[in-house]
PDB file of N, CA and C in Angstrom:
ATOM      1  N   MET A   1      87.059 -97.033  21.234  1.00  0.00           N
ATOM      2  CA  MET A   1      86.537 -97.092  19.200  1.00  0.00           C
ATOM      3  C   MET A   1      85.805 -95.513  20.008  1.00  0.00           C
ATOM      4  N   LYS A   2      84.822 -95.085  20.744  1.00  0.00           N
ATOM      5  CA  LYS A   2      85.151 -93.500  21.580  1.00  0.00           C
ATOM      6  C   LYS A   2      86.226 -92.868  20.476  1.00  0.00           C
ATOM      7  N   LYS A   3      87.661 -92.976  20.743  1.00  0.00           N
ATOM      8  CA  LYS A   3      88.559 -91.590  19.743  1.00  0.00           C
ATOM      9  C   LYS A   3      88.570 -91.183  18.578  1.00  0.00           C
ATOM     10  N   PRO A   4      88.015 -92.513  17.569  1.00  0.00           N
ATOM     11  CA  PRO A   4      87.682 -91.941  15.814  1.00  0.00           C
ATOM     12  C   PRO A   4      86.823 -91.924  16.185  1.00  0.00           C
ATOM     13  N   ILE A   5      85.889 -91.573  16.255  1.00  0.00           N
ATOM     14  CA  ILE A   5      84.378 -91.258  16.549  1.00  0.00           C
ATOM     15  C   ILE A   5      84.665 -89.435  17.062  1.00  0.00           C
ATOM     16  N   LEU A   6      85.605 -89.330  17.740  1.00  0.00           N
ATOM     17  CA  LEU A   6      85.528 -88.039  18.246  1.00  0.00           C
ATOM     18  C   LEU A   6      86.230 -87.302  17.987  1.00  0.00           C
ATOM     19  N   PHE A   7      87.528 -87.955  16.749  1.00  0.00           N
ATOM     20  CA  PHE A   7      88.152 -87.510  15.963  1.00  0.00           C
ATOM     21  C   PHE A   7      87.522 -86.361  14.479  1.00  0.00           C
ATOM     22  N   CYS A   8      86.966 -88.231  14.292  1.00  0.00           N
ATOM     23  CA  CYS A   8      85.938 -87.684  13.412  1.00  0.00           C
ATOM     24  C   CYS A   8      85.106 -86.317  13.431  1.00  0.00           C
ATOM     25  N   LEU A   9      84.698 -86.334  13.926  1.00  0.00           N
ATOM     26  CA  LEU A   9      83.859 -85.280  14.507  1.00  0.00           C
ATOM     27  C   LEU A   9      84.262 -83.856  14.591  1.00  0.00           C
ATOM     28  N   PHE A  10      85.579 -83.695  15.380  1.00  0.00           N
ATOM     29  CA  PHE A  10      86.334 -82.264  15.656  1.00  0.00           C
ATOM     30  C   PHE A  10      86.677 -81.869  14.208  1.00  0.00           C
ATOM     31  N   LEU A  11      87.056 -83.272  13.573  1.00  0.00           N
ATOM     32  CA  LEU A  11      87.711 -82.576  12.236  1.00  0.00           C
ATOM     33  C   LEU A  11      86.157 -82.297  10.727  1.00  0.00           C
ATOM     34  N   ALA A  12      84.986 -82.862  11.049  1.00  0.00           N
ATOM     35  CA  ALA A  12      84.205 -81.892  10.330  1.00  0.00           C
ATOM     36  C   ALA A  12      83.909 -80.996  10.968  1.00  0.00           C
ATOM     37  N   SER A  13      83.743 -80.795  12.508  1.00  0.00           N
ATOM     38  CA  SER A  13      83.016 -79.656  12.639  1.00  0.00           C
ATOM     39  C   SER A  13      84.230 -78.154  12.332  1.00  0.00           C
ATOM     40  N   PHE A  14      85.432 -78.370  12.657  1.00  0.00           N
ATOM     41  CA  PHE A  14      86.991 -77.571  11.940  1.00  0.00           C
ATOM     42  C   PHE A  14      86.298 -77.449  10.371  1.00  0.00           C
ATOM     43  N   SER A  15      85.990 -78.378   9.332  1.00  0.00           N
ATOM     44  CA  SER A  15      86.279 -77.820   7.797  1.00  0.00           C
ATOM     45  C   SER A  15      85.709 -77.399   7.721  1.00  0.00           C
ATOM     46  N   ILE A  16      83.664 -77.171   8.471  1.00  0.00           N
ATOM     47  CA  ILE A  16      82.505 -76.703   8.749  1.00  0.00           C
ATOM     48  C   ILE A  16      83.157 -74.895   8.854  1.00  0.00           C
ATOM     49  N   THR A  17      83.499 -74.756   9.409  1.00  0.00           N
ATOM     50  CA  THR A  17      83.642 -73.762  10.207  1.00  0.00           C
ATOM     51  C   THR A  17      84.649 -72.546   9.355  1.00  0.00           C
ATOM     52  N   GLN A  18      85.655 -74.015   8.944  1.00  0.00           N
ATOM     53  CA  GLN A  18      86.421 -73.536   7.604  1.00  0.00           C
ATOM     54  C   GLN A  18      85.464 -72.365   6.795  1.00  0.00           C
ATOM     55  N   ASN A  19      84.920 -73.482   5.704  1.00  0.00           N
ATOM     56  CA  ASN A  19      84.365 -73.195   4.869  1.00  0.00           C
ATOM     57  C   ASN A  19      83.030 -71.783   4.994  1.00  0.00           C
ATOM     58  N   VAL A  20      82.641 -71.518   6.486  1.00  0.00           N
ATOM     59  CA  VAL A  20      82.027 -70.814   6.256  1.00  0.00           C
ATOM     60  C   VAL A  20      82.844 -69.200   6.675  1.00  0.00           C
ATOM     61  N   SER A  21      83.701 -69.441   7.215  1.00  0.00           N
ATOM     62  CA  SER A  21      83.922 -68.085   7.425  1.00  0.00           C
ATOM     63  C   SER A  21      84.940 -68.248   6.275  1.00  0.00           C
ATOM     64  N   ALA A  22      85.168 -68.463   5.660  1.00  0.00           N
ATOM     65  CA  ALA A  22      85.253 -68.445   3.583  1.00  0.00           C
ATOM     66  C   ALA A  22      84.712 -67.846   3.557  1.00  0.00           C
ATOM     67  N   GLN A  23      83.383 -68.238   3.039  1.00  0.00           N
ATOM     68  CA  GLN A  23      82.004 -67.510   2.519  1.00  0.00           C
ATOM     69  C   GLN A  23      82.268 -65.977   2.470  1.00  0.00           C
ATOM     70  N   LYS A  24      82.272 -64.901   1.929  1.00  0.00           N
ATOM     71  CA  LYS A  24      81.723 -63.722   2.505  1.00  0.00           C
ATOM     72  C   LYS A  24      80.337 -63.393   2.899  1.00  0.00           C
ATOM     73  N   ILE A  25      80.331 -62.575   3.714  1.00  0.00           N
ATOM     74  CA  ILE A  25      79.363 -62.424   3.872  1.00  0.00           C
ATOM     75  C   ILE A  25      78.498 -61.289   4.183  1.00  0.00           C
ATOM     76  N   GLU A  26      77.706 -61.075   3.040  1.00  0.00           N
ATOM     77  CA  GLU A  26      77.481 -59.176   2.747  1.00  0.00           C
ATOM     78  C   GLU A  26      76.396 -58.502   4.170  1.00  0.00           C
ATOM     79  N   THR A  27      76.408 -57.875   4.241  1.00  0.00           N
ATOM     80  CA  THR A  27      75.303 -57.406   5.468  1.00  0.00           C
ATOM     81  C   THR A  27      74.338 -56.284   4.515  1.00  0.00           C
ATOM     82  N   LEU A  28      73.729 -55.696   5.215  1.00  0.00           N
ATOM     83  CA  LEU A  28      72.945 -54.053   5.263  1.00  0.00           C
ATOM     84  C   LEU A  28      73.742 -53.270   4.829  1.00  0.00           C
ATOM     85  N   GLU A  29      74.140 -53.002   5.204  1.00  0.00           N
ATOM     86  CA  GLU A  29      75.393 -51.893   5.818  1.00  0.00           C
ATOM     87  C   GLU A  29      76.221 -51.835   5.057  1.00  0.00           C
ATOM     88  N   SER A  30      76.374 -51.966   3.978  1.00  0.00           N
ATOM     89  CA  SER A  30      77.517 -52.407   2.886  1.00  0.00           C
ATOM     90  C   SER A  30      77.754 -50.877   2.500  1.00  0.00           C
ATOM     91  N   PRO A  31      78.620 -50.874   2.013  1.00  0.00           N
ATOM     92  CA  PRO A  31      78.732 -49.260   0.957  1.00  0.00           C
ATOM     93  C   PRO A  31      77.758 -48.248   0.464  1.00  0.00           C
ATOM     94  N   GLU A  32      77.578 -49.380  -0.572  1.00  0.00           N
ATOM     95  CA  GLU A  32      76.158 -49.209  -1.449  1.00  0.00           C
ATOM     96  C   GLU A  32      75.060 -48.772  -0.816  1.00  0.00           C
ATOM     97  N   TYR A  33      74.589 -49.168   0.334  1.00  0.00           N
ATOM     98  CA  TYR A  33      73.192 -49.061   0.177  1.00  0.00           C
ATOM     99  C   TYR A  33      72.794 -48.051   1.605  1.00  0.00           C
ATOM    100  N   LYS A  34      72.256 -46.864   1.288  1.00  0.00           N
ATOM    101  CA  LYS A  34      71.488 -46.458   1.830  1.00  0.00           C
ATOM    102  C   LYS A  34      70.355 -45.866   2.896  1.00  0.00           C
ATOM    103  N   ARG A  35      70.175 -45.498   3.083  1.00  0.00           N
ATOM    104  CA  ARG A  35      68.732 -46.093   4.344  1.00  0.00           C
ATOM    105  C   ARG A  35      68.149 -44.872   3.884  1.00  0.00           C
ATOM    106  N   GLU A  36      69.021 -43.837   3.140  1.00  0.00           N
ATOM    107  CA  GLU A  36      67.286 -43.267   2.167  1.00  0.00           C
ATOM    108  C   GLU A  36      66.310 -43.745   1.017  1.00  0.00           C
ATOM    109  N   ARG A  37      65.452 -43.844   0.781  1.00  0.00           N
ATOM    110  CA  ARG A  37      65.196 -43.293  -0.208  1.00  0.00           C
ATOM    111  C   ARG A  37      65.265 -43.075  -1.369  1.00  0.00           C
ATOM    112  N   PRO A  38      65.352 -43.163  -2.844  1.00  0.00           N
ATOM    113  CA  PRO A  38      65.689 -42.375  -3.449  1.00  0.00           C
ATOM    114  C   PRO A  38      64.356 -41.295  -4.082  1.00  0.00           C
ATOM    115  N   VAL A  39      64.732 -39.829  -4.094  1.00  0.00           N
ATOM    116  CA  VAL A  39      63.795 -39.203  -4.282  1.00  0.00           C
ATOM    117  C   VAL A  39      63.833 -38.649  -5.653  1.00  0.00           C
ATOM    118  N   ARG A  40      62.435 -38.701  -6.356  1.00  0.00           N
ATOM    119  CA  ARG A  40      62.333 -37.716  -7.444  1.00  0.00           C
ATOM    120  C   ARG A  40      60.938 -37.629  -8.124  1.00  0.00           C
ATOM    121  N   VAL A  41      60.856 -36.325  -8.357  1.00  0.00           N
ATOM    122  CA  VAL A  41      60.283 -35.615  -8.440  1.00  0.00           C
ATOM    123  C   VAL A  41      60.510 -35.109  -9.888  1.00  0.00           C
ATOM    124  N   GLU A  42      58.844 -35.275 -10.184  1.00  0.00           N
ATOM    125  CA  GLU A  42      58.623 -35.215 -11.941  1.00  0.00           C
ATOM    126  C   GLU A  42      57.782 -34.435 -11.956  1.00  0.00           C
ATOM    127  N   ALA A  43      57.517 -32.395 -12.316  1.00  0.00           N
ATOM    128  CA  ALA A  43      56.477 -32.081 -13.003  1.00  0.00           C
ATOM    129  C   ALA A  43      55.857 -32.551 -14.393  1.00  0.00           C
ATOM    130  N   LEU A  44      54.427 -32.816 -14.401  1.00  0.00           N
ATOM    131  CA  LEU A  44      53.790 -33.594 -15.114  1.00  0.00           C
ATOM    132  C   LEU A  44      53.601 -32.607 -16.219  1.00  0.00           C
ATOM    133  N   PRO A  45      53.513 -32.948 -17.335  1.00  0.00           N
ATOM    134  CA  PRO A  45      52.899 -30.589 -18.199  1.00  0.00           C
ATOM    135  C   PRO A  45      51.814 -30.815 -18.305  1.00  0.00           C
ATOM    136  N   GLN A  46      50.950 -29.930 -17.781  1.00  0.00           N
ATOM    137  CA  GLN A  46      49.083 -29.403 -18.087  1.00  0.00           C
ATOM    138  C   GLN A  46      48.616 -30.375 -19.923  1.00  0.00           C
ATOM    139  N   TYR A  47      48.267 -31.005 -18.733  1.00  0.00           N
ATOM    140  CA  TYR A  47      47.502 -31.412 -20.261  1.00  0.00           C
ATOM    141  C   TYR A  47      46.845 -30.614 -21.318  1.00  0.00           C
ATOM    142  N   ILE A  48      46.973 -30.913 -22.697  1.00  0.00           N
ATOM    143  CA  ILE A  48      46.583 -30.682 -23.607  1.00  0.00           C
ATOM    144  C   ILE A  48      46.093 -30.870 -25.038  1.00  0.00           C
ATOM    145  N   PRO A  49      44.189 -31.041 -24.527  1.00  0.00           N
ATOM    146  CA  PRO A  49      43.810 -31.677 -25.274  1.00  0.00           C
ATOM    147  C   PRO A  49      43.844 -31.811 -27.258  1.00  0.00           C
ATOM    148  N   LEU A  50      43.511 -32.213 -27.423  1.00  0.00           N
ATOM    149  CA  LEU A  50      43.909 -32.302 -28.799  1.00  0.00           C
ATOM    150  C   LEU A  50      42.863 -31.552 -30.099  1.00  0.00           C
ATOM    151  N   TYR A  51      41.434 -31.641 -29.275  1.00  0.00           N
ATOM    152  CA  TYR A  51      41.257 -30.378 -30.157  1.00  0.00           C
ATOM    153  C   TYR A  51      40.253 -29.798 -29.248  1.00  0.00           C
ATOM    154  N   VAL A  52      38.923 -28.898 -29.393  1.00  0.00           N
ATOM    155  CA  VAL A  52      38.404 -27.842 -28.736  1.00  0.00           C
ATOM    156  C   VAL A  52      36.767 -28.995 -28.525  1.00  0.00           C
ATOM    157  N   ILE A  53      37.029 -29.942 -28.658  1.00  0.00           N
ATOM    158  CA  ILE A  53      35.518 -31.091 -28.314  1.00  0.00           C
ATOM    159  C   ILE A  53      36.109 -32.283 -28.110  1.00  0.00           C
ATOM    160  N   SER A  54      36.037 -33.451 -26.943  1.00  0.00           N
ATOM    161  CA  SER A  54      36.381 -34.476 -26.883  1.00  0.00           C
ATOM    162  C   SER A  54      37.016 -35.197 -28.299  1.00  0.00           C
ATOM    163  N   ASP A  55      38.243 -36.118 -28.229  1.00  0.00           N
ATOM    164  CA  ASP A  55      38.251 -36.519 -29.878  1.00  0.00           C
ATOM    165  C   ASP A  55      37.534 -37.871 -29.343  1.00  0.00           C
ATOM    166  N   LYS A  56      36.985 -38.198 -28.725  1.00  0.00           N
ATOM    167  CA  LYS A  56      35.442 -39.654 -28.834  1.00  0.00           C
ATOM    168  C   LYS A  56      34.699 -38.853 -28.931  1.00  0.00           C
ATOM    169  N   GLU A  57      33.840 -37.644 -28.847  1.00  0.00           N
ATOM    170  CA  GLU A  57      33.010 -37.462 -29.616  1.00  0.00           C
ATOM    171  C   GLU A  57      33.322 -36.910 -30.497  1.00  0.00           C
ATOM    172  N   LEU A  58      33.941 -36.279 -31.231  1.00  0.00           N
ATOM    173  CA  LEU A  58      34.488 -35.294 -32.020  1.00  0.00           C
ATOM    174  C   LEU A  58      34.056 -35.708 -33.259  1.00  0.00           C
ATOM    175  N   PRO A  59      34.201 -37.406 -33.428  1.00  0.00           N
ATOM    176  CA  PRO A  59      34.063 -38.278 -34.910  1.00  0.00           C
ATOM    177  C   PRO A  59      32.775 -38.546 -34.556  1.00  0.00           C
ATOM    178  N   THR A  60      31.722 -38.136 -33.683  1.00  0.00           N
ATOM    179  CA  THR A  60      30.305 -38.543 -34.102  1.00  0.00           C
ATOM    180  C   THR A  60      29.863 -37.227 -35.126  1.00  0.00           C
ATOM    181  N   TYR A  61      30.532 -35.738 -35.005  1.00  0.00           N
ATOM    182  CA  TYR A  61      30.047 -34.799 -35.284  1.00  0.00           C
ATOM    183  C   TYR A  61      30.317 -34.561 -37.288  1.00  0.00           C
ATOM    184  N   PHE A  62      30.570 -35.791 -38.197  1.00  0.00           N
ATOM    185  CA  PHE A  62      31.294 -36.382 -38.993  1.00  0.00           C
ATOM    186  C   PHE A  62      30.462 -36.987 -39.598  1.00  0.00           C
ATOM    187  N   VAL A  63      30.272 -36.991 -40.612  1.00  0.00           N
ATOM    188  CA  VAL A  63      29.288 -37.929 -40.994  1.00  0.00           C
ATOM    189  C   VAL A  63      30.432 -39.442 -41.993  1.00  0.00           C
ATOM    190  N   SER A  64      31.739 -39.261 -41.992  1.00  0.00           N
ATOM    191  CA  SER A  64      32.093 -40.737 -42.156  1.00  0.00           C
ATOM    192  C   SER A  64      32.700 -41.380 -41.115  1.00  0.00           C
ATOM    193  N   GLY A  65      32.626 -40.473 -39.785  1.00  0.00           N
ATOM    194  CA  GLY A  65      32.614 -41.111 -38.379  1.00  0.00           C
ATOM    195  C   GLY A  65      33.968 -40.980 -38.573  1.00  0.00           C
ATOM    196  N   GLU A  66      34.987 -39.783 -39.146  1.00  0.00           N
ATOM    197  CA  GLU A  66      36.376 -40.033 -38.956  1.00  0.00           C
ATOM    198  C   GLU A  66      37.152 -38.412 -38.473  1.00  0.00           C
ATOM    199  N   ILE A  67      38.420 -38.277 -38.155  1.00  0.00           N
ATOM    200  CA  ILE A  67      38.255 -36.283 -37.750  1.00  0.00           C
ATOM    201  C   ILE A  67      38.789 -35.781 -39.230  1.00  0.00           C
ATOM    202  N   PRO A  68      38.358 -35.518 -39.870  1.00  0.00           N
ATOM    203  CA  PRO A  68      39.044 -34.678 -41.274  1.00  0.00           C
ATOM    204  C   PRO A  68      40.167 -33.935 -40.525  1.00  0.00           C
ATOM    205  N   GLU A  69      41.004 -34.169 -41.964  1.00  0.00           N
ATOM    206  CA  GLU A  69      43.107 -33.571 -41.474  1.00  0.00           C
ATOM    207  C   GLU A  69      43.074 -32.163 -41.379  1.00  0.00           C
ATOM    208  N   SER A  70      41.813 -31.808 -41.974  1.00  0.00           N
ATOM    209  CA  SER A  70      41.794 -30.279 -41.482  1.00  0.00           C
ATOM    210  C   SER A  70      41.022 -29.877 -40.638  1.00  0.00           C
ATOM    211  N   PHE A  71      40.464 -30.367 -39.851  1.00  0.00           N
ATOM    212  CA  PHE A  71      39.511 -29.862 -38.737  1.00  0.00           C
ATOM    213  C   PHE A  71      41.199 -29.930 -37.463  1.00  0.00           C
ATOM    214  N   PRO A  72      40.772 -28.194 -37.333  1.00  0.00           N
ATOM    215  CA  PRO A  72      42.081 -27.303 -36.492  1.00  0.00           C
ATOM    216  C   PRO A  72      42.522 -28.116 -34.789  1.00  0.00           C
ATOM    217  N   LYS A  73      43.234 -27.989 -35.237  1.00  0.00           N
ATOM    218  CA  LYS A  73      44.001 -28.991 -33.835  1.00  0.00           C
ATOM    219  C   LYS A  73      44.401 -28.172 -32.647  1.00  0.00           C
ATOM    220  N   TYR A  74      43.979 -28.863 -31.354  1.00  0.00           N
ATOM    221  CA  TYR A  74      43.891 -27.585 -30.116  1.00  0.00           C
ATOM    222  C   TYR A  74      45.280 -26.738 -30.565  1.00  0.00           C
ATOM    223  N   ASP A  75      45.353 -25.090 -29.959  1.00  0.00           N
ATOM    224  CA  ASP A  75      46.745 -24.750 -29.967  1.00  0.00           C
ATOM    225  C   ASP A  75      46.814 -24.026 -28.542  1.00  0.00           C
ATOM    226  N   PRO A  76      47.148 -24.903 -27.582  1.00  0.00           N
ATOM    227  CA  PRO A  76      47.435 -24.723 -26.140  1.00  0.00           C
ATOM    228  C   PRO A  76      47.967 -23.245 -26.279  1.00  0.00           C
ATOM    229  N   ASN A  77      49.174 -22.306 -27.210  1.00  0.00           N
ATOM    230  CA  ASN A  77      48.807 -20.815 -26.655  1.00  0.00           C
ATOM    231  C   ASN A  77      48.411 -19.995 -26.970  1.00  0.00           C
ATOM    232  N   ILE A  78      47.250 -19.997 -27.365  1.00  0.00           N
ATOM    233  CA  ILE A  78      45.589 -19.331 -27.011  1.00  0.00           C
ATOM    234  C   ILE A  78      44.866 -19.759 -25.787  1.00  0.00           C
ATOM    235  N   LYS A  79      43.810 -19.463 -25.904  1.00  0.00           N
ATOM    236  CA  LYS A  79      42.884 -19.424 -24.883  1.00  0.00           C
ATOM    237  C   LYS A  79      42.046 -20.446 -25.320  1.00  0.00           C
ATOM    238  N   LYS A  80      41.117 -21.017 -24.652  1.00  0.00           N
ATOM    239  CA  LYS A  80      40.509 -21.949 -25.128  1.00  0.00           C
ATOM    240  C   LYS A  80      38.648 -21.524 -25.613  1.00  0.00           C
ATOM    241  N   ALA A  81      38.404 -20.169 -25.682  1.00  0.00           N
ATOM    242  CA  ALA A  81      37.699 -19.722 -26.091  1.00  0.00           C
ATOM    243  C   ALA A  81      38.431 -19.164 -27.655  1.00  0.00           C
ATOM    244  N   ALA A  82      39.297 -19.026 -27.716  1.00  0.00           N
ATOM    245  CA  ALA A  82      39.612 -18.710 -29.244  1.00  0.00           C
ATOM    246  C   ALA A  82      39.546 -20.117 -30.245  1.00  0.00           C
ATOM    247  N   ASN A  83      39.836 -20.907 -29.492  1.00  0.00           N
ATOM    248  CA  ASN A  83      40.801 -21.975 -30.036  1.00  0.00           C
ATOM    249  C   ASN A  83      39.017 -22.554 -30.584  1.00  0.00           C
ATOM    250  N   LYS A  84      37.691 -22.070 -29.601  1.00  0.00           N
ATOM    251  CA  LYS A  84      36.430 -22.757 -30.235  1.00  0.00           C
ATOM    252  C   LYS A  84      36.152 -21.704 -30.866  1.00  0.00           C
ATOM    253  N   LYS A  85      36.594 -20.768 -31.385  1.00  0.00           N
ATOM    254  CA  LYS A  85      36.236 -19.825 -32.532  1.00  0.00           C
ATOM    255  C   LYS A  85      36.843 -19.691 -33.911  1.00  0.00           C
ATOM    256  N   ILE A  86      38.541 -20.557 -33.200  1.00  0.00           N
ATOM    257  CA  ILE A  86      39.063 -21.324 -35.098  1.00  0.00           C
ATOM    258  C   ILE A  86      38.010 -22.604 -35.126  1.00  0.00           C
ATOM    259  N   ALA A  87      37.125 -22.717 -34.160  1.00  0.00           N
ATOM    260  CA  ALA A  87      36.597 -24.625 -34.795  1.00  0.00           C
ATOM    261  C   ALA A  87      35.336 -23.969 -35.657  1.00  0.00           C
ATOM    262  N   MET A  88      34.701 -23.325 -34.281  1.00  0.00           N
ATOM    263  CA  MET A  88      33.007 -22.479 -34.774  1.00  0.00           C
ATOM    264  C   MET A  88      33.411 -22.257 -36.625  1.00  0.00           C
ATOM    265  N   GLU A  89      34.811 -21.409 -36.254  1.00  0.00           N
ATOM    266  CA  GLU A  89      34.792 -20.592 -38.184  1.00  0.00           C
ATOM    267  C   GLU A  89      34.779 -21.499 -39.446  1.00  0.00           C
ATOM    268  N   TRP A  90      35.969 -22.773 -38.315  1.00  0.00           N
ATOM    269  CA  TRP A  90      36.206 -24.361 -40.299  1.00  0.00           C
ATOM    270  C   TRP A  90      34.758 -25.279 -39.982  1.00  0.00           C
ATOM    271  N   CYS A  91      33.657 -25.392 -38.830  1.00  0.00           N
ATOM    272  CA  CYS A  91      32.370 -25.317 -39.164  1.00  0.00           C
ATOM    273  C   CYS A  91      31.754 -24.171 -40.296  1.00  0.00           C
ATOM    274  N   ILE A  92      31.585 -23.402 -40.161  1.00  0.00           N
ATOM    275  CA  ILE A  92      30.684 -22.503 -41.543  1.00  0.00           C
ATOM    276  C   ILE A  92      31.205 -22.336 -42.596  1.00  0.00           C
ATOM    277  N   VAL A  93      32.208 -22.629 -43.407  1.00  0.00           N
ATOM    278  CA  VAL A  93      33.135 -22.694 -44.060  1.00  0.00           C
ATOM    279  C   VAL A  93      32.117 -23.835 -45.190  1.00  0.00           C
ATOM    280  N   PRO A  94      31.325 -23.765 -46.077  1.00  0.00           N
ATOM    281  CA  PRO A  94      30.536 -24.324 -46.841  1.00  0.00           C
ATOM    282  C   PRO A  94      31.869 -26.212 -47.032  1.00  0.00           C
ATOM    283  N   SER A  95      32.506 -25.550 -47.509  1.00  0.00           N
ATOM    284  CA  SER A  95      32.639 -26.514 -48.021  1.00  0.00           C
ATOM    285  C   SER A  95      33.207 -28.075 -46.988  1.00  0.00           C
ATOM    286  N   ASN A  96      33.575 -27.210 -45.482  1.00  0.00           N
ATOM    287  CA  ASN A  96      33.689 -28.174 -44.382  1.00  0.00           C
ATOM    288  C   ASN A  96      32.225 -28.611 -43.350  1.00  0.00           C
ATOM    289  N   ARG A  97      31.190 -27.530 -43.637  1.00  0.00           N
ATOM    290  CA  ARG A  97      29.569 -27.735 -43.610  1.00  0.00           C
ATOM    291  C   ARG A  97      29.723 -29.369 -44.092  1.00  0.00           C
ATOM    292  N   VAL A  98      29.018 -29.295 -45.181  1.00  0.00           N
ATOM    293  CA  VAL A  98      28.894 -30.901 -46.058  1.00  0.00           C
ATOM    294  C   VAL A  98      29.339 -31.997 -45.105  1.00  0.00           C
ATOM    295  N   LEU A  99      30.636 -32.059 -44.763  1.00  0.00           N
ATOM    296  CA  LEU A  99      31.183 -33.500 -44.273  1.00  0.00           C
ATOM    297  C   LEU A  99      30.289 -32.853 -42.559  1.00  0.00           C
ATOM    298  N   LEU A 100      29.495 -32.079 -41.857  1.00  0.00           N
ATOM    299  CA  LEU A 100      29.062 -32.791 -41.107  1.00  0.00           C
ATOM    300  C   LEU A 100      27.540 -33.111 -40.866  1.00  0.00           C
ATOM    301  N   THR A 101      27.444 -33.567 -39.953  1.00  0.00           N
ATOM    302  CA  THR A 101      26.021 -34.456 -39.954  1.00  0.00           C
ATOM    303  C   THR A 101      25.235 -33.061 -39.859  1.00  0.00           C
ATOM    304  N   GLU A 102      23.542 -34.249 -39.333  1.00  0.00           N
ATOM    305  CA  GLU A 102      22.755 -33.249 -39.462  1.00  0.00           C
ATOM    306  C   GLU A 102      22.824 -32.657 -37.739  1.00  0.00           C
ATOM    307  N   ASP A 103      23.191 -33.578 -37.116  1.00  0.00           N
ATOM    308  CA  ASP A 103      23.145 -33.305 -35.826  1.00  0.00           C
ATOM    309  C   ASP A 103      24.246 -31.993 -35.357  1.00  0.00           C
ATOM    310  N   ALA A 104      25.073 -31.951 -35.910  1.00  0.00           N
ATOM    311  CA  ALA A 104      26.156 -31.967 -35.775  1.00  0.00           C
ATOM    312  C   ALA A 104      26.165 -30.618 -36.380  1.00  0.00           C
ATOM    313  N   LYS A 105      25.374 -29.955 -37.724  1.00  0.00           N
ATOM    314  CA  LYS A 105      24.772 -28.589 -38.146  1.00  0.00           C
ATOM    315  C   LYS A 105      23.818 -27.686 -37.122  1.00  0.00           C
ATOM    316  N   VAL A 106      23.299 -28.961 -36.666  1.00  0.00           N
ATOM    317  CA  VAL A 106      22.187 -28.224 -36.017  1.00  0.00           C
ATOM    318  C   VAL A 106      23.068 -27.342 -34.373  1.00  0.00           C
ATOM    319  N   ARG A 107      23.738 -28.361 -34.068  1.00  0.00           N
ATOM    320  CA  ARG A 107      24.364 -28.107 -32.583  1.00  0.00           C
ATOM    321  C   ARG A 107      25.114 -26.739 -32.906  1.00  0.00           C
ATOM    322  N   VAL A 108      26.130 -26.767 -33.881  1.00  0.00           N
ATOM    323  CA  VAL A 108      27.411 -25.762 -34.919  1.00  0.00           C
ATOM    324  C   VAL A 108      25.966 -24.291 -34.752  1.00  0.00           C
ATOM    325  N   ASP A 109      25.363 -24.236 -35.174  1.00  0.00           N
ATOM    326  CA  ASP A 109      24.336 -23.392 -35.597  1.00  0.00           C
ATOM    327  C   ASP A 109      23.743 -22.636 -34.779  1.00  0.00           C
ATOM    328  N   ALA A 110      23.406 -23.756 -33.211  1.00  0.00           N
ATOM    329  CA  ALA A 110      22.879 -23.046 -31.987  1.00  0.00           C
ATOM    330  C   ALA A 110      24.544 -22.317 -31.466  1.00  0.00           C
ATOM    331  N   LYS A 111      25.763 -23.052 -31.044  1.00  0.00           N
ATOM    332  CA  LYS A 111      26.420 -22.316 -30.447  1.00  0.00           C
ATOM    333  C   LYS A 111      26.878 -21.420 -30.869  1.00  0.00           C
ATOM    334  N   LEU A 112      26.513 -20.985 -32.304  1.00  0.00           N
ATOM    335  CA  LEU A 112      27.031 -19.522 -33.524  1.00  0.00           C
ATOM    336  C   LEU A 112      25.581 -19.150 -32.806  1.00  0.00           C
ATOM    337  N   GLU A 113      24.624 -20.004 -32.411  1.00  0.00           N
ATOM    338  CA  GLU A 113      23.475 -18.349 -32.075  1.00  0.00           C
ATOM    339  C   GLU A 113      23.805 -17.823 -30.277  1.00  0.00           C
ATOM    340  N   LYS A 114      24.087 -18.655 -29.679  1.00  0.00           N
ATOM    341  CA  LYS A 114      24.922 -18.267 -28.356  1.00  0.00           C
ATOM    342  C   LYS A 114      25.834 -17.061 -28.390  1.00  0.00           C
ATOM    343  N   LEU A 115      27.004 -17.108 -30.021  1.00  0.00           N
ATOM    344  CA  LEU A 115      27.967 -15.843 -29.414  1.00  0.00           C
ATOM    345  C   LEU A 115      27.848 -15.015 -30.225  1.00  0.00           C
ATOM    346  N   LYS A 116      26.574 -14.680 -31.218  1.00  0.00           N
ATOM    347  CA  LYS A 116      26.088 -13.447 -31.770  1.00  0.00           C
ATOM    348  C   LYS A 116      25.347 -13.575 -30.317  1.00  0.00           C
ATOM    349  N   ALA A 117      24.337 -13.614 -29.653  1.00  0.00           N
ATOM    350  CA  ALA A 117      23.669 -12.795 -28.575  1.00  0.00           C
ATOM    351  C   ALA A 117      24.476 -12.706 -27.056  1.00  0.00           C
ATOM    352  N   LYS A 118      25.729 -12.692 -27.152  1.00  0.00           N
ATOM    353  CA  LYS A 118      27.305 -12.667 -26.132  1.00  0.00           C
ATOM    354  C   LYS A 118      27.352 -11.363 -26.086  1.00  0.00           C
ATOM    355  N   SER A 119      28.061 -11.802 -28.045  1.00  0.00           N
ATOM    356  CA  SER A 119      28.256 -10.939 -28.337  1.00  0.00           C
ATOM    357  C   SER A 119      28.046  -8.715 -28.973  1.00  0.00           C
ATOM    358  N   ASN A 120      26.395  -8.998 -28.541  1.00  0.00           N
ATOM    359  CA  ASN A 120      25.191  -7.792 -29.134  1.00  0.00           C
ATOM    360  C   ASN A 120      25.450  -7.023 -27.328  1.00  0.00           C
ATOM    361  N   LYS A 121      25.166  -8.075 -26.482  1.00  0.00           N
ATOM    362  CA  LYS A 121      25.871  -7.630 -25.133  1.00  0.00           C
ATOM    363  C   LYS A 121      26.120  -6.560 -24.857  1.00  0.00           C
TER     364      LYS A 121
END
């Protein structure tokens, strides 16, 4: 009685070891695996604003609550002061000044006075 049971256990263990050895075992040291992390360095471009004034604040300067298409965009090829001057010149044109709120007109006029005072020094 013991012999047939031992023989069955022997056959079962033999078949299990055959199945395990037939499987391909992948290790972490496979040819595709490298211990180094891939390094990817990207230089982010410098932030370029859309307008001289924040595009969140600028709509409040206009009666319609929207920035007109004709309002000058920020030119990254020139200095910020030059961009401000272009925006101010746009604001003093009578057809554009009508688009501004009263508060914006006061701000523009105050800014123009500061610029005139600086240029007179």
